PDB file of N, CA and C in Angstrom:
ATOM      1  N   MET A   1     -73.542 -31.488-130.141  1.00  0.00           N
ATOM      2  CA  MET A   1     -74.852 -31.245-129.594  1.00  0.00           C
ATOM      3  C   MET A   1     -75.551 -30.115-130.354  1.00  0.00           C
ATOM      4  N   LYS A   2     -74.761 -29.112-130.741  1.00  0.00           N
ATOM      5  CA  LYS A   2     -75.320 -27.998-131.490  1.00  0.00           C
ATOM      6  C   LYS A   2     -75.846 -28.483-132.842  1.00  0.00           C
ATOM      7  N   HIS A   3     -75.117 -29.415-133.463  1.00  0.00           N
ATOM      8  CA  HIS A   3     -75.538 -29.944-134.760  1.00  0.00           C
ATOM      9  C   HIS A   3     -76.843 -30.742-134.642  1.00  0.00           C
ATOM     10  N   LEU A   4     -76.988 -31.468-133.564  1.00  0.00           N
ATOM     11  CA  LEU A   4     -78.212 -32.235-133.331  1.00  0.00           C
ATOM     12  C   LEU A   4     -79.405 -31.304-133.176  1.00  0.00           C
ATOM     13  N   LEU A   5     -79.236 -30.222-132.432  1.00  0.00           N
ATOM     14  CA  LEU A   5     -80.301 -29.252-132.244  1.00  0.00           C
ATOM     15  C   LEU A   5     -80.682 -28.607-133.578  1.00  0.00           C
ATOM     16  N   ILE A   6     -79.694 -28.271-134.374  1.00  0.00           N
ATOM     17  CA  ILE A   6     -79.962 -27.678-135.687  1.00  0.00           C
ATOM     18  C   ILE A   6     -80.724 -28.659-136.571  1.00  0.00           C
ATOM     19  N   LEU A   7     -80.321 -29.924-136.546  1.00  0.00           N
ATOM     20  CA  LEU A   7     -80.999 -30.949-137.333  1.00  0.00           C
ATOM     21  C   LEU A   7     -82.459 -31.097-136.919  1.00  0.00           C
ATOM     22  N   ILE A   8     -82.716 -31.111-135.630  1.00  0.00           N
ATOM     23  CA  ILE A   8     -84.091 -31.225-135.135  1.00  0.00           C
ATOM     24  C   ILE A   8     -84.916 -30.016-135.563  1.00  0.00           C
ATOM     25  N   LEU A   9     -84.356 -28.815-135.429  1.00  0.00           N
ATOM     26  CA  LEU A   9     -85.089 -27.614-135.812  1.00  0.00           C
ATOM     27  C   LEU A   9     -85.365 -27.578-137.316  1.00  0.00           C
ATOM     28  N   LEU A  10     -84.409 -28.016-138.124  1.00  0.00           N
ATOM     29  CA  LEU A  10     -84.630 -28.073-139.569  1.00  0.00           C
ATOM     30  C   LEU A  10     -85.721 -29.076-139.915  1.00  0.00           C
ATOM     31  N   SER A  11     -85.743 -30.199-139.220  1.00  0.00           N
ATOM     32  CA  SER A  11     -86.777 -31.207-139.468  1.00  0.00           C
ATOM     33  C   SER A  11     -88.156 -30.655-139.144  1.00  0.00           C
ATOM     34  N   ILE A  12     -88.255 -29.956-138.035  1.00  0.00           N
ATOM     35  CA  ILE A  12     -89.550 -29.382-137.632  1.00  0.00           C
ATOM     36  C   ILE A  12     -89.989 -28.320-138.634  1.00  0.00           C
ATOM     37  N   SER A  13     -89.071 -27.463-139.072  1.00  0.00           N
ATOM     38  CA  SER A  13     -89.452 -26.416-140.015  1.00  0.00           C
ATOM     39  C   SER A  13     -89.845 -27.005-141.360  1.00  0.00           C
ATOM     40  N   THR A  14     -89.153 -28.063-141.791  1.00  0.00           N
ATOM     41  CA  THR A  14     -89.521 -28.730-143.037  1.00  0.00           C
ATOM     42  C   THR A  14     -90.908 -29.332-142.932  1.00  0.00           C
ATOM     43  N   PHE A  15     -91.197 -29.947-141.792  1.00  0.00           N
ATOM     44  CA  PHE A  15     -92.518 -30.541-141.577  1.00  0.00           C
ATOM     45  C   PHE A  15     -93.609 -29.481-141.624  1.00  0.00           C
ATOM     46  N   THR A  16     -93.408 -28.351-140.973  1.00  0.00           N
ATOM     47  CA  THR A  16     -94.443 -27.317-140.949  1.00  0.00           C
ATOM     48  C   THR A  16     -94.639 -26.702-142.324  1.00  0.00           C
ATOM     49  N   MET A  17     -93.561 -26.562-143.099  1.00  0.00           N
ATOM     50  CA  MET A  17     -93.692 -26.046-144.450  1.00  0.00           C
ATOM     51  C   MET A  17     -94.474 -27.024-145.320  1.00  0.00           C
ATOM     52  N   ALA A  18     -94.223 -28.300-145.151  1.00  0.00           N
ATOM     53  CA  ALA A  18     -94.922 -29.313-145.942  1.00  0.00           C
ATOM     54  C   ALA A  18     -96.404 -29.339-145.615  1.00  0.00           C
ATOM     55  N   GLN A  19     -96.749 -29.110-144.371  1.00  0.00           N
ATOM     56  CA  GLN A  19     -98.152 -29.155-143.971  1.00  0.00           C
ATOM     57  C   GLN A  19     -98.908 -27.889-144.368  1.00  0.00           C
ATOM     58  N   SER A  20     -98.217 -26.785-144.630  1.00  0.00           N
ATOM     59  CA  SER A  20     -98.898 -25.522-144.882  1.00  0.00           C
ATOM     60  C   SER A  20     -99.677 -25.529-146.194  1.00  0.00           C
ATOM     61  N   SER A  21     -99.262 -26.314-147.184  1.00  0.00           N
ATOM     62  CA  SER A  21     -99.954 -26.327-148.470  1.00  0.00           C
ATOM     63  C   SER A  21    -100.896 -27.516-148.585  1.00  0.00           C
ATOM     64  N   SER A  22    -101.302 -28.071-147.468  1.00  0.00           N
ATOM     65  CA  SER A  22    -102.149 -29.260-147.463  1.00  0.00           C
ATOM     66  C   SER A  22    -103.484 -28.980-146.786  1.00  0.00           C
ATOM     67  N   ARG A  23    -104.501 -29.558-147.330  1.00  0.00           N
ATOM     68  CA  ARG A  23    -105.822 -29.581-146.709  1.00  0.00           C
ATOM     69  C   ARG A  23    -106.233 -31.046-146.660  1.00  0.00           C
ATOM     70  N   LEU A  24    -105.870 -31.707-145.569  1.00  0.00           N
ATOM     71  CA  LEU A  24    -106.086 -33.145-145.462  1.00  0.00           C
ATOM     72  C   LEU A  24    -106.916 -33.499-144.243  1.00  0.00           C
ATOM     73  N   LYS A  25    -107.741 -34.492-144.422  1.00  0.00           N
ATOM     74  CA  LYS A  25    -108.485 -35.069-143.316  1.00  0.00           C
ATOM     75  C   LYS A  25    -108.034 -36.519-143.204  1.00  0.00           C
ATOM     76  N   THR A  26    -107.520 -36.872-142.028  1.00  0.00           N
ATOM     77  CA  THR A  26    -107.039 -38.242-141.842  1.00  0.00           C
ATOM     78  C   THR A  26    -107.854 -38.925-140.750  1.00  0.00           C
ATOM     79  N   ARG A  27    -108.009 -40.213-140.918  1.00  0.00           N
ATOM     80  CA  ARG A  27    -108.725 -41.005-139.920  1.00  0.00           C
ATOM     81  C   ARG A  27    -107.981 -42.321-139.771  1.00  0.00           C
ATOM     82  N   ILE A  28    -107.585 -42.621-138.544  1.00  0.00           N
ATOM     83  CA  ILE A  28    -106.875 -43.859-138.248  1.00  0.00           C
ATOM     84  C   ILE A  28    -107.639 -44.576-137.138  1.00  0.00           C
ATOM     85  N   VAL A  29    -108.037 -45.808-137.413  1.00  0.00           N
ATOM     86  CA  VAL A  29    -108.789 -46.595-136.442  1.00  0.00           C
ATOM     87  C   VAL A  29    -108.040 -47.913-136.226  1.00  0.00           C
ATOM     88  N   ASP A  30    -107.699 -48.176-134.969  1.00  0.00           N
ATOM     89  CA  ASP A  30    -106.979 -49.398-134.604  1.00  0.00           C
ATOM     90  C   ASP A  30    -107.783 -50.116-133.533  1.00  0.00           C
ATOM     91  N   ASN A  31    -108.296 -51.313-133.860  1.00  0.00           N
ATOM     92  CA  ASN A  31    -109.062 -52.076-132.882  1.00  0.00           C
ATOM     93  C   ASN A  31    -108.318 -53.335-132.433  1.00  0.00           C
ATOM     94  N   SER A  32    -106.990 -53.337-132.577  1.00  0.00           N
ATOM     95  CA  SER A  32    -106.075 -54.423-132.209  1.00  0.00           C
ATOM     96  C   SER A  32    -106.086 -55.591-133.189  1.00  0.00           C
ATOM     97  N   GLN A  33    -107.103 -55.690-134.029  1.00  0.00           N
ATOM     98  CA  GLN A  33    -107.133 -56.735-135.045  1.00  0.00           C
ATOM     99  C   GLN A  33    -106.931 -56.152-136.436  1.00  0.00           C
ATOM    100  N   THR A  34    -107.518 -54.991-136.670  1.00  0.00           N
ATOM    101  CA  THR A  34    -107.344 -54.318-137.952  1.00  0.00           C
ATOM    102  C   THR A  34    -106.966 -52.855-137.721  1.00  0.00           C
ATOM    103  N   LEU A  35    -106.261 -52.307-138.688  1.00  0.00           N
ATOM    104  CA  LEU A  35    -105.871 -50.901-138.674  1.00  0.00           C
ATOM    105  C   LEU A  35    -106.403 -50.293-139.958  1.00  0.00           C
ATOM    106  N   SER A  36    -107.298 -49.328-139.824  1.00  0.00           N
ATOM    107  CA  SER A  36    -107.875 -48.659-140.987  1.00  0.00           C
ATOM    108  C   SER A  36    -107.293 -47.261-141.095  1.00  0.00           C
ATOM    109  N   ILE A  37    -106.835 -46.912-142.279  1.00  0.00           N
ATOM    110  CA  ILE A  37    -106.262 -45.587-142.534  1.00  0.00           C
ATOM    111  C   ILE A  37    -107.028 -44.963-143.685  1.00  0.00           C
ATOM    112  N   GLN A  38    -107.513 -43.744-143.454  1.00  0.00           N
ATOM    113  CA  GLN A  38    -108.224 -43.018-144.490  1.00  0.00           C
ATOM    114  C   GLN A  38    -107.633 -41.619-144.590  1.00  0.00           C
ATOM    115  N   ILE A  39    -107.280 -41.222-145.795  1.00  0.00           N
ATOM    116  CA  ILE A  39    -106.731 -39.893-146.063  1.00  0.00           C
ATOM    117  C   ILE A  39    -107.545 -39.286-147.194  1.00  0.00           C
ATOM    118  N   ASP A  40    -108.130 -38.133-146.953  1.00  0.00           N
ATOM    119  CA  ASP A  40    -108.909 -37.429-147.973  1.00  0.00           C
ATOM    120  C   ASP A  40    -108.522 -35.962-147.960  1.00  0.00           C
ATOM    121  N   GLY A  41    -108.436 -35.373-149.151  1.00  0.00           N
ATOM    122  CA  GLY A  41    -108.160 -33.950-149.233  1.00  0.00           C
ATOM    123  C   GLY A  41    -107.300 -33.593-150.421  1.00  0.00           C
ATOM    124  N   ASN A  42    -106.655 -32.432-150.308  1.00  0.00           N
ATOM    125  CA  ASN A  42    -105.801 -31.919-151.371  1.00  0.00           C
ATOM    126  C   ASN A  42    -104.432 -31.584-150.806  1.00  0.00           C
ATOM    127  N   ARG A  43    -103.427 -31.854-151.611  1.00  0.00           N
ATOM    128  CA  ARG A  43    -102.058 -31.483-151.238  1.00  0.00           C
ATOM    129  C   ARG A  43    -101.372 -30.982-152.488  1.00  0.00           C
ATOM    130  N   ASN A  44    -100.952 -29.719-152.450  1.00  0.00           N
ATOM    131  CA  ASN A  44    -100.289 -29.084-153.584  1.00  0.00           C
ATOM    132  C   ASN A  44    -101.108 -29.221-154.867  1.00  0.00           C
ATOM    133  N   GLY A  45    -102.406 -29.052-154.743  1.00  0.00           N
ATOM    134  CA  GLY A  45    -103.277 -29.111-155.906  1.00  0.00           C
ATOM    135  C   GLY A  45    -103.631 -30.520-156.372  1.00  0.00           C
ATOM    136  N   ARG A  46    -103.160 -31.512-155.688  1.00  0.00           N
ATOM    137  CA  ARG A  46    -103.422 -32.906-156.061  1.00  0.00           C
ATOM    138  C   ARG A  46    -104.451 -33.489-155.101  1.00  0.00           C
ATOM    139  N   SER A  47    -105.479 -34.098-155.665  1.00  0.00           N
ATOM    140  CA  SER A  47    -106.531 -34.704-154.850  1.00  0.00           C
ATOM    141  C   SER A  47    -106.051 -36.064-154.339  1.00  0.00           C
ATOM    142  N   ILE A  48    -106.258 -36.301-153.042  1.00  0.00           N
ATOM    143  CA  ILE A  48    -105.845 -37.560-152.421  1.00  0.00           C
ATOM    144  C   ILE A  48    -107.063 -38.223-151.789  1.00  0.00           C
ATOM    145  N   HIS A  49    -107.293 -39.470-152.170  1.00  0.00           N
ATOM    146  CA  HIS A  49    -108.345 -40.289-151.571  1.00  0.00           C
ATOM    147  C   HIS A  49    -107.748 -41.670-151.351  1.00  0.00           C
ATOM    148  N   TYR A  50    -107.440 -41.977-150.108  1.00  0.00           N
ATOM    149  CA  TYR A  50    -106.792 -43.237-149.755  1.00  0.00           C
ATOM    150  C   TYR A  50    -107.580 -43.877-148.628  1.00  0.00           C
ATOM    151  N   LYS A  51    -107.923 -45.136-148.804  1.00  0.00           N
ATOM    152  CA  LYS A  51    -108.613 -45.870-147.750  1.00  0.00           C
ATOM    153  C   LYS A  51    -108.126 -47.311-147.818  1.00  0.00           C
ATOM    154  N   GLN A  52    -107.547 -47.762-146.715  1.00  0.00           N
ATOM    155  CA  GLN A  52    -106.979 -49.108-146.674  1.00  0.00           C
ATOM    156  C   GLN A  52    -107.151 -49.681-145.273  1.00  0.00           C
ATOM    157  N   THR A  53    -107.402 -50.965-145.202  1.00  0.00           N
ATOM    158  CA  THR A  53    -107.499 -51.672-143.928  1.00  0.00           C
ATOM    159  C   THR A  53    -106.457 -52.771-143.904  1.00  0.00           C
ATOM    160  N   PHE A  54    -105.726 -52.876-142.807  1.00  0.00           N
ATOM    161  CA  PHE A  54    -104.642 -53.844-142.660  1.00  0.00           C
ATOM    162  C   PHE A  54    -104.949 -54.785-141.499  1.00  0.00           C
ATOM    163  N   ASP A  55    -104.551 -56.037-141.650  1.00  0.00           N
ATOM    164  CA  ASP A  55    -104.652 -57.010-140.565  1.00  0.00           C
ATOM    165  C   ASP A  55    -103.419 -56.829-139.681  1.00  0.00           C
ATOM    166  N   VAL A  56    -103.616 -56.385-138.440  1.00  0.00           N
ATOM    167  CA  VAL A  56    -102.494 -56.090-137.548  1.00  0.00           C
ATOM    168  C   VAL A  56    -102.503 -56.942-136.296  1.00  0.00           C
ATOM    169  N   GLU A  57    -103.250 -58.009-136.303  1.00  0.00           N
ATOM    170  CA  GLU A  57    -103.316 -58.878-135.131  1.00  0.00           C
ATOM    171  C   GLU A  57    -101.933 -59.442-134.837  1.00  0.00           C
ATOM    172  N   GLY A  58    -101.470 -59.257-133.606  1.00  0.00           N
ATOM    173  CA  GLY A  58    -100.163 -59.746-133.192  1.00  0.00           C
ATOM    174  C   GLY A  58     -99.009 -58.790-133.464  1.00  0.00           C
ATOM    175  N   MET A  59     -99.270 -57.647-134.079  1.00  0.00           N
ATOM    176  CA  MET A  59     -98.210 -56.669-134.348  1.00  0.00           C
ATOM    177  C   MET A  59     -97.952 -55.803-133.123  1.00  0.00           C
ATOM    178  N   THR A  60     -96.709 -55.371-132.979  1.00  0.00           N
ATOM    179  CA  THR A  60     -96.361 -54.454-131.899  1.00  0.00           C
ATOM    180  C   THR A  60     -96.764 -53.033-132.296  1.00  0.00           C
ATOM    181  N   THR A  61     -96.731 -52.131-131.331  1.00  0.00           N
ATOM    182  CA  THR A  61     -97.062 -50.734-131.593  1.00  0.00           C
ATOM    183  C   THR A  61     -96.083 -50.130-132.586  1.00  0.00           C
ATOM    184  N   LEU A  62     -94.810 -50.490-132.477  1.00  0.00           N
ATOM    185  CA  LEU A  62     -93.810 -49.975-133.401  1.00  0.00           C
ATOM    186  C   LEU A  62     -94.075 -50.468-134.820  1.00  0.00           C
ATOM    187  N   GLN A  63     -94.442 -51.722-134.983  1.00  0.00           N
ATOM    188  CA  GLN A  63     -94.762 -52.254-136.306  1.00  0.00           C
ATOM    189  C   GLN A  63     -95.976 -51.540-136.905  1.00  0.00           C
ATOM    190  N   LYS A  64     -96.945 -51.238-136.062  1.00  0.00           N
ATOM    191  CA  LYS A  64     -98.125 -50.503-136.538  1.00  0.00           C
ATOM    192  C   LYS A  64     -97.744 -49.084-136.962  1.00  0.00           C
ATOM    193  N   ASP A  65     -96.858 -48.454-136.191  1.00  0.00           N
ATOM    194  CA  ASP A  65     -96.401 -47.106-136.549  1.00  0.00           C
ATOM    195  C   ASP A  65     -95.671 -47.116-137.884  1.00  0.00           C
ATOM    196  N   ILE A  66     -94.867 -48.137-138.122  1.00  0.00           N
ATOM    197  CA  ILE A  66     -94.161 -48.249-139.401  1.00  0.00           C
ATOM    198  C   ILE A  66     -95.158 -48.441-140.538  1.00  0.00           C
ATOM    199  N   LEU A  67     -96.176 -49.227-140.309  1.00  0.00           N
ATOM    200  CA  LEU A  67     -97.224 -49.434-141.306  1.00  0.00           C
ATOM    201  C   LEU A  67     -97.945 -48.120-141.614  1.00  0.00           C
ATOM    202  N   LYS A  68     -98.259 -47.349-140.575  1.00  0.00           N
ATOM    203  CA  LYS A  68     -98.893 -46.038-140.774  1.00  0.00           C
ATOM    204  C   LYS A  68     -97.979 -45.128-141.586  1.00  0.00           C
ATOM    205  N   TYR A  69     -96.701 -45.117-141.211  1.00  0.00           N
ATOM    206  CA  TYR A  69     -95.737 -44.269-141.910  1.00  0.00           C
ATOM    207  C   TYR A  69     -95.680 -44.626-143.387  1.00  0.00           C
ATOM    208  N   ARG A  70     -95.625 -45.911-143.702  1.00  0.00           N
ATOM    209  CA  ARG A  70     -95.565 -46.346-145.103  1.00  0.00           C
ATOM    210  C   ARG A  70     -96.828 -45.979-145.864  1.00  0.00           C
ATOM    211  N   ALA A  71     -97.979 -46.101-145.211  1.00  0.00           N
ATOM    212  CA  ALA A  71     -99.237 -45.744-145.872  1.00  0.00           C
ATOM    213  C   ALA A  71     -99.264 -44.252-146.208  1.00  0.00           C
ATOM    214  N   PHE A  72     -98.859 -43.427-145.256  1.00  0.00           N
ATOM    215  CA  PHE A  72     -98.874 -41.985-145.499  1.00  0.00           C
ATOM    216  C   PHE A  72     -97.832 -41.573-146.530  1.00  0.00           C
ATOM    217  N   THR A  73     -96.631 -42.122-146.431  1.00  0.00           N
ATOM    218  CA  THR A  73     -95.596 -41.738-147.390  1.00  0.00           C
ATOM    219  C   THR A  73     -95.895 -42.260-148.790  1.00  0.00           C
ATOM    220  N   SER A  74     -96.683 -43.324-148.908  1.00  0.00           N
ATOM    221  CA  SER A  74     -97.072 -43.791-150.239  1.00  0.00           C
ATOM    222  C   SER A  74     -97.934 -42.750-150.949  1.00  0.00           C
ATOM    223  N   GLN A  75     -98.558 -41.880-150.177  1.00  0.00           N
ATOM    224  CA  GLN A  75     -99.369 -40.790-150.731  1.00  0.00           C
ATOM    225  C   GLN A  75     -98.608 -39.455-150.714  1.00  0.00           C
ATOM    226  N   ASN A  76     -97.313 -39.507-150.407  1.00  0.00           N
ATOM    227  CA  ASN A  76     -96.458 -38.309-150.284  1.00  0.00           C
ATOM    228  C   ASN A  76     -96.995 -37.334-149.240  1.00  0.00           C
ATOM    229  N   VAL A  77     -97.426 -37.881-148.116  1.00  0.00           N
ATOM    230  CA  VAL A  77     -97.981 -37.098-147.015  1.00  0.00           C
ATOM    231  C   VAL A  77     -97.254 -37.501-145.737  1.00  0.00           C
ATOM    232  N   MET A  78     -96.941 -36.516-144.896  1.00  0.00           N
ATOM    233  CA  MET A  78     -96.343 -36.814-143.600  1.00  0.00           C
ATOM    234  C   MET A  78     -97.435 -37.322-142.666  1.00  0.00           C
ATOM    235  N   PRO A  79     -97.152 -38.397-141.921  1.00  0.00           N
ATOM    236  CA  PRO A  79     -98.153 -38.887-140.963  1.00  0.00           C
ATOM    237  C   PRO A  79     -98.306 -37.917-139.791  1.00  0.00           C
ATOM    238  N   PRO A  80     -99.470 -37.897-139.169  1.00  0.00           N
ATOM    239  CA  PRO A  80     -99.660 -37.040-137.996  1.00  0.00           C
ATOM    240  C   PRO A  80     -98.694 -37.446-136.879  1.00  0.00           C
ATOM    241  N   LEU A  81     -98.015 -36.484-136.301  1.00  0.00           N
ATOM    242  CA  LEU A  81     -97.009 -36.780-135.281  1.00  0.00           C
ATOM    243  C   LEU A  81     -97.608 -37.436-134.047  1.00  0.00           C
ATOM    244  N   HIS A  82     -98.820 -37.063-133.674  1.00  0.00           N
ATOM    245  CA  HIS A  82     -99.414 -37.642-132.469  1.00  0.00           C
ATOM    246  C   HIS A  82     -99.711 -39.130-132.645  1.00  0.00           C
ATOM    247  N   ASP A  83     -99.801 -39.604-133.875  1.00  0.00           N
ATOM    248  CA  ASP A  83    -100.019 -41.029-134.117  1.00  0.00           C
ATOM    249  C   ASP A  83     -98.713 -41.808-134.228  1.00  0.00           C
ATOM    250  N   MET A  84     -97.601 -41.114-134.174  1.00  0.00           N
ATOM    251  CA  MET A  84     -96.298 -41.752-134.326  1.00  0.00           C
ATOM    252  C   MET A  84     -95.455 -41.613-133.060  1.00  0.00           C
ATOM    253  N   ALA A  85     -96.079 -41.468-131.920  1.00  0.00           N
ATOM    254  CA  ALA A  85     -95.372 -41.169-130.670  1.00  0.00           C
ATOM    255  C   ALA A  85     -94.338 -42.234-130.312  1.00  0.00           C
ATOM    256  N   VAL A  86     -94.675 -43.502-130.459  1.00  0.00           N
ATOM    257  CA  VAL A  86     -93.740 -44.570-130.096  1.00  0.00           C
ATOM    258  C   VAL A  86     -92.523 -44.539-131.007  1.00  0.00           C
ATOM    259  N   SER A  87     -92.740 -44.356-132.305  1.00  0.00           N
ATOM    260  CA  SER A  87     -91.613 -44.304-133.244  1.00  0.00           C
ATOM    261  C   SER A  87     -90.709 -43.115-132.962  1.00  0.00           C
ATOM    262  N   ILE A  88     -91.313 -41.971-132.715  1.00  0.00           N
ATOM    263  CA  ILE A  88     -90.526 -40.770-132.428  1.00  0.00           C
ATOM    264  C   ILE A  88     -89.718 -40.967-131.146  1.00  0.00           C
ATOM    265  N   ALA A  89     -90.335 -41.519-130.119  1.00  0.00           N
ATOM    266  CA  ALA A  89     -89.629 -41.767-128.864  1.00  0.00           C
ATOM    267  C   ALA A  89     -88.483 -42.755-129.072  1.00  0.00           C
ATOM    268  N   THR A  90     -88.708 -43.793-129.850  1.00  0.00           N
ATOM    269  CA  THR A  90     -87.658 -44.776-130.123  1.00  0.00           C
ATOM    270  C   THR A  90     -86.475 -44.136-130.846  1.00  0.00           C
ATOM    271  N   ILE A  91     -86.760 -43.303-131.836  1.00  0.00           N
ATOM    272  CA  ILE A  91     -85.697 -42.625-132.582  1.00  0.00           C
ATOM    273  C   ILE A  91     -84.917 -41.682-131.674  1.00  0.00           C
ATOM    274  N   LEU A  92     -85.629 -40.921-130.836  1.00  0.00           N
ATOM    275  CA  LEU A  92     -84.946 -39.993-129.931  1.00  0.00           C
ATOM    276  C   LEU A  92     -84.071 -40.726-128.921  1.00  0.00           C
ATOM    277  N   VAL A  93     -84.542 -41.853-128.403  1.00  0.00           N
ATOM    278  CA  VAL A  93     -83.737 -42.645-127.466  1.00  0.00           C
ATOM    279  C   VAL A  93     -82.495 -43.171-128.177  1.00  0.00           C
ATOM    280  N   ALA A  94     -82.654 -43.664-129.406  1.00  0.00           N
ATOM    281  CA  ALA A  94     -81.510 -44.186-130.159  1.00  0.00           C
ATOM    282  C   ALA A  94     -80.475 -43.086-130.416  1.00  0.00           C
ATOM    283  N   ILE A  95     -80.944 -41.903-130.806  1.00  0.00           N
ATOM    284  CA  ILE A  95     -80.026 -40.776-131.038  1.00  0.00           C
ATOM    285  C   ILE A  95     -79.313 -40.408-129.742  1.00  0.00           C
ATOM    286  N   SER A  96     -80.041 -40.379-128.640  1.00  0.00           N
ATOM    287  CA  SER A  96     -79.430 -40.046-127.345  1.00  0.00           C
ATOM    288  C   SER A  96     -78.358 -41.055-126.964  1.00  0.00           C
ATOM    289  N   LEU A  97     -78.631 -42.332-127.186  1.00  0.00           N
ATOM    290  CA  LEU A  97     -77.641 -43.365-126.871  1.00  0.00           C
ATOM    291  C   LEU A  97     -76.397 -43.232-127.730  1.00  0.00           C
ATOM    292  N   VAL A  98     -76.579 -42.990-129.012  1.00  0.00           N
ATOM    293  CA  VAL A  98     -75.423 -42.834-129.909  1.00  0.00           C
ATOM    294  C   VAL A  98     -74.583 -41.641-129.479  1.00  0.00           C
ATOM    295  N   VAL A  99     -75.230 -40.511-129.199  1.00  0.00           N
ATOM    296  CA  VAL A  99     -74.492 -39.313-128.775  1.00  0.00           C
ATOM    297  C   VAL A  99     -73.770 -39.573-127.455  1.00  0.00           C
ATOM    298  N   THR A 100     -74.430 -40.250-126.535  1.00  0.00           N
ATOM    299  CA  THR A 100     -73.808 -40.574-125.245  1.00  0.00           C
ATOM    300  C   THR A 100     -72.570 -41.442-125.434  1.00  0.00           C
ATOM    301  N   PHE A 101     -72.688 -42.491-126.250  1.00  0.00           N
ATOM    302  CA  PHE A 101     -71.543 -43.365-126.497  1.00  0.00           C
ATOM    303  C   PHE A 101     -70.404 -42.623-127.191  1.00  0.00           C
ATOM    304  N   LEU A 102     -70.730 -41.721-128.100  1.00  0.00           N
ATOM    305  CA  LEU A 102     -69.685 -40.936-128.762  1.00  0.00           C
ATOM    306  C   LEU A 102     -68.965 -40.029-127.767  1.00  0.00           C
ATOM    307  N   ILE A 103     -69.707 -39.393-126.883  1.00  0.00           N
ATOM    308  CA  ILE A 103     -69.099 -38.506-125.888  1.00  0.00           C
ATOM    309  C   ILE A 103     -68.230 -39.305-124.918  1.00  0.00           C
ATOM    310  N   VAL A 104     -68.743 -40.425-124.410  1.00  0.00           N
ATOM    311  CA  VAL A 104     -67.976 -41.246-123.471  1.00  0.00           C
ATOM    312  C   VAL A 104     -66.719 -41.791-124.143  1.00  0.00           C
ATOM    313  N   GLY A 105     -66.861 -42.250-125.385  1.00  0.00           N
ATOM    314  CA  GLY A 105     -65.698 -42.748-126.109  1.00  0.00           C
ATOM    315  C   GLY A 105     -64.649 -41.672-126.332  1.00  0.00           C
ATOM    316  N   TYR A 106     -65.082 -40.471-126.681  1.00  0.00           N
ATOM    317  CA  TYR A 106     -64.158 -39.365-126.879  1.00  0.00           C
ATOM    318  C   TYR A 106     -63.443 -39.010-125.584  1.00  0.00           C
ATOM    319  N   GLN A 107     -64.194 -38.944-124.489  1.00  0.00           N
ATOM    320  CA  GLN A 107     -63.584 -38.586-123.214  1.00  0.00           C
ATOM    321  C   GLN A 107     -62.595 -39.646-122.742  1.00  0.00           C
ATOM    322  N   SER A 108     -62.909 -40.928-122.954  1.00  0.00           N
ATOM    323  CA  SER A 108     -61.975 -41.971-122.515  1.00  0.00           C
ATOM    324  C   SER A 108     -60.711 -41.960-123.361  1.00  0.00           C
ATOM    325  N   ARG A 109     -60.842 -41.711-124.671  1.00  0.00           N
ATOM    326  CA  ARG A 109     -59.645 -41.610-125.521  1.00  0.00           C
ATOM    327  C   ARG A 109     -58.810 -40.400-125.131  1.00  0.00           C
ATOM    328  N   LYS A 110     -59.477 -39.294-124.828  1.00  0.00           N
ATOM    329  CA  LYS A 110     -58.772 -38.076-124.437  1.00  0.00           C
ATOM    330  C   LYS A 110     -58.006 -38.304-123.135  1.00  0.00           C
ATOM    331  N   THR A 111     -58.615 -38.988-122.170  1.00  0.00           N
ATOM    332  CA  THR A 111     -57.966 -39.282-120.892  1.00  0.00           C
ATOM    333  C   THR A 111     -56.759 -40.182-121.112  1.00  0.00           C
ATOM    334  N   THR A 112     -56.908 -41.202-121.958  1.00  0.00           N
ATOM    335  CA  THR A 112     -55.802 -42.106-122.253  1.00  0.00           C
ATOM    336  C   THR A 112     -54.668 -41.369-122.926  1.00  0.00           C
ATOM    337  N   LEU A 113     -54.951 -40.517-123.874  1.00  0.00           N
ATOM    338  CA  LEU A 113     -53.919 -39.742-124.554  1.00  0.00           C
ATOM    339  C   LEU A 113     -53.218 -38.773-123.599  1.00  0.00           C
ATOM    340  N   ASN A 114     -53.963 -38.162-122.691  1.00  0.00           N
ATOM    341  CA  ASN A 114     -53.369 -37.250-121.710  1.00  0.00           C
ATOM    342  C   ASN A 114     -52.423 -38.012-120.773  1.00  0.00           C
ATOM    343  N   LYS A 115     -52.793 -39.211-120.367  1.00  0.00           N
ATOM    344  CA  LYS A 115     -51.922 -40.013-119.487  1.00  0.00           C
ATOM    345  C   LYS A 115     -50.648 -40.395-120.222  1.00  0.00           C
ATOM    346  N   LEU A 116     -50.775 -40.762-121.499  1.00  0.00           N
ATOM    347  CA  LEU A 116     -49.599 -41.150-122.285  1.00  0.00           C
ATOM    348  C   LEU A 116     -48.683 -39.934-122.504  1.00  0.00           C
ATOM    349  N   ALA A 117     -49.259 -38.779-122.715  1.00  0.00           N
ATOM    350  CA  ALA A 117     -48.485 -37.577-122.948  1.00  0.00           C
ATOM    351  C   ALA A 117     -47.750 -37.111-121.699  1.00  0.00           C
ATOM    352  N   SER A 118     -48.358 -37.360-120.533  1.00  0.00           N
ATOM    353  CA  SER A 118     -47.725 -36.905-119.291  1.00  0.00           C
ATOM    354  C   SER A 118     -46.582 -37.827-118.853  1.00  0.00           C
ATOM    355  N   ASN A 119     -46.551 -39.055-119.388  1.00  0.00           N
ATOM    356  CA  ASN A 119     -45.462 -39.987-119.031  1.00  0.00           C
ATOM    357  C   ASN A 119     -44.279 -39.662-119.801  1.00  0.00           C
TER     358      ASN A 119
END
């Protein structure tokens, strides 16, 4: 659990460091049929001008978040966290489930070994 907390804190600090040298204006418009992403500004002395529209009719929110993530990372820019809420929640739930299963598995093995040792 301590390692997970350290990993989360390192991720947050890396994100804030990456954003400190950026002057970016982003605009994301989703009308359920199209998703428009516009990124303008400077990052580490490099000028960024990105404007793209995607057909997203029939896509889930998670698929749209992945599309946003790919668009931003193609420009070497972290996507705004508030626009990635579903993806972040999904990742956190998955991590929680994995940690829970690891703990339960460890405890059941420990109980089995203790019973065998006491016999």
